[in-house]
Amino acid sequence: MKKKIRSNFKQKREKFTNRNIPEKFYTKEDIFVSRLASILMEPRGRVKGIFSRRAITTIRINSLKGNPKETLQLLKEKGYILEEIPWVQHIYFITNRDKAEVSQTEEYREGRYYIQNLSSILATLVLDPKKNESILDMCAAPGSKTTHMAEITDNKAQILANDSDITRVSAMENVLEQFGAENVKATFSDANDFGKKYPVTFDKVLLDAPCSGEGMIYFQGPKPLRYWNVDKIRRCAATQRDLIVSAFKTLKHGSFMVYSTCTLEPEENEGVVTHLLNNFPNARVEPIEIVKQNSFDDFREFVKPGIKKWSGNIYHPSVKNSVRIIPNSKMMGFYIAKIFKI
């Protein structure tokens, strides 16, 4: 009997592809919002709003270049409306001018005031530099915290300000001159080498580490996530782990350092600090007292303690003493840890 051949014999069978079920596609924005909702413990719907507010323009009046009261009066005569920060001297919000306009005055060119976000200022206050101390600012450019340290100590501390980019060092030297920081030596060096070059040398160390910069993301601007990705977070964390070990080695016993970043990622913050604590039993994270002051009441809602676990990672219990600043209308996103060396 002749075998019957199917009419569709030469046709390929259609592969089952679930064509009627749309494939889920996650954008970079989806990933960012999900991560930050988890980190900040906020609903996903609130995350974009948190990153859609610009922090108000903040200035730090510089006593190294003129009398602060005179500088304040000059700005008021220009029509500037200034609001004093209650927990720190000589720091003001300017409520009726943007950053671009504030940077164009004669007083700014003379170095009478520095435009600096309040979160960045807080890191220097936690470091609490004193006269006659030897201080390392390990990743110092552009020089905002360095000039603040010089001003707080009235140019009577010995400050080493380093950066690993020669162009940034050159620009920082101009900033140091503009704002009268005469007690600062600017250097161009790989900060990873400092632990070997300057063991147990400095009374205080500030490591404001290069990071993924999440705290500065602004969703109302063009392409807000163009520089952000998860791989960058991991690369930064690897660099930060080396830097914090190097910084800690330069610190004298019985002294403390500050580790800070302008990112909110636990991998770059609590994870890096935990790496140090696990490798150096004589390191401990201390509470940051300034955020507990009564004068800080109006800002405390933006400050959260360090995270002890996240995304399957368990961090050292003492990281709860560090602080994470949530982006808001007064301060950009930031992280600060105060680390004591026994």
Foldseek 3Di string as FASTA:
>chain_A
DDDDDDPCNVPDDDDDDPVVDDDDDADPLNVVLVVVCQLVVHDSVCVLVLQAADAFWKKAFFVLQDDLVVVVVVVVVVVWDWDDQQLDPRMTGGDPDHPVVVCPDPCVQQQRMDTDAPVVVVQLVLLPAEFQFEEEALAQPPPPSVLVNLRSHVLRYQYEYEHQDPVRLVNNVVVCVSNVNPNYDYDHDDLLCQLVVQFQHGQEYEDAADAQQALNQHVVDPPSCPSDDPVRRVVSLVVLLSNVLSRVRNHHAQHKYKYKYLDSDCSNALVSVQSVCVVAVQKAWAARCSCVDPSNVVQNVQKAFADQDGPHDGGDPRSSRKIWGRRDRHGTTMTMTMMHGD
